[in-house]
Amino acid sequence: MILEQPSVRFEIIQSILSCEDNILTVCELCEIAGVSRSGYYRWLAAADTRQKREANDQADFELILEA
């Protein structure tokens, strides 16, 4: 199932944390989601890398379509 992927859980945590009326901490949300707090922070720090990889993948896909 898709919710089993930690990245999906991390995205949900980030979404909840950005809400103005959120009263839960990162630690509490990670515990509820069943992921580690350090894993969440590592995922958060790797956002630039994920975006660059996605851009490269998209460029490669465009080249494949042209061929």
Protein backbone atom coordinates (compact mmCIF):
# COMPACT_ATOMS: atom_id res chain seq x y z
CA MET A 1 0.00 0.00 0.00
CA ILE A 2 1.19 3.53 -0.72
CA LEU A 3 1.02 4.72 2.91
CA GLU A 4 3.61 2.10 3.80
CA GLN A 5 6.27 4.20 2.08
CA PRO A 6 8.06 6.44 4.60
CA SER A 7 8.30 9.29 2.08
CA VAL A 8 4.51 9.49 1.91
CA ARG A 9 4.33 9.59 5.69
CA PHE A 10 6.99 12.31 5.79
CA GLU A 11 5.00 14.38 3.30
CA ILE A 12 1.92 14.07 5.49
CA ILE A 13 3.91 15.11 8.55
CA GLN A 14 5.26 18.15 6.71
CA SER A 15 1.75 19.05 5.57
CA ILE A 16 0.39 18.84 9.12
CA LEU A 17 3.27 20.88 10.52
CA SER A 18 2.59 23.67 8.02
CA CYS A 19 -1.01 24.05 9.23
CA GLU A 20 -1.54 27.08 11.45
CA ASP A 21 -3.77 25.24 13.91
CA ASN A 22 -1.41 22.28 14.40
CA ILE A 23 -0.62 21.55 18.05
CA LEU A 24 1.43 18.38 17.56
CA THR A 25 5.22 18.26 17.58
CA VAL A 26 7.47 16.56 15.05
CA CYS A 27 8.21 13.89 17.63
CA GLU A 28 4.50 13.17 18.22
CA LEU A 29 3.68 13.09 14.51
CA CYS A 30 6.57 10.73 13.77
CA GLU A 31 5.45 8.43 16.57
CA ILE A 32 1.87 8.40 15.22
CA ALA A 33 3.13 7.75 11.67
CA GLY A 34 5.51 5.03 12.81
CA VAL A 35 8.65 6.68 11.41
CA SER A 36 11.79 7.95 13.08
CA ARG A 37 12.31 11.61 13.78
CA SER A 38 15.84 11.41 12.40
CA GLY A 39 14.43 9.85 9.22
CA TYR A 40 12.02 12.75 8.85
CA TYR A 41 14.81 15.31 9.23
CA ARG A 42 17.02 13.37 6.81
CA TRP A 43 14.15 13.32 4.29
CA LEU A 44 13.63 17.04 4.80
CA ALA A 45 17.33 17.78 4.22
CA ALA A 46 17.34 15.74 1.00
CA ALA A 47 14.56 17.79 -0.64
CA ASP A 48 16.96 19.59 -3.00
CA THR A 49 18.49 16.30 -4.09
CA ARG A 50 15.04 14.84 -4.81
CA GLN A 51 14.06 17.90 -6.86
CA LYS A 52 17.27 17.75 -8.92
CA ARG A 53 16.81 14.02 -9.53
CA GLU A 54 13.21 14.61 -10.64
CA ALA A 55 14.32 17.37 -13.03
CA ASN A 56 17.01 15.11 -14.50
CA ASP A 57 14.52 12.27 -14.87
CA GLN A 58 12.09 14.59 -16.64
CA ALA A 59 14.83 15.77 -19.02
CA ASP A 60 15.80 12.16 -19.75
CA PHE A 61 12.15 11.32 -20.40
CA GLU A 62 11.91 14.18 -22.91
CA LEU A 63 14.98 12.84 -24.71
CA ILE A 64 13.43 9.38 -24.88
CA LEU A 65 10.24 10.80 -26.35
CA GLU A 66 12.25 12.64 -29.02
CA ALA A 67 14.08 9.45 -30.01
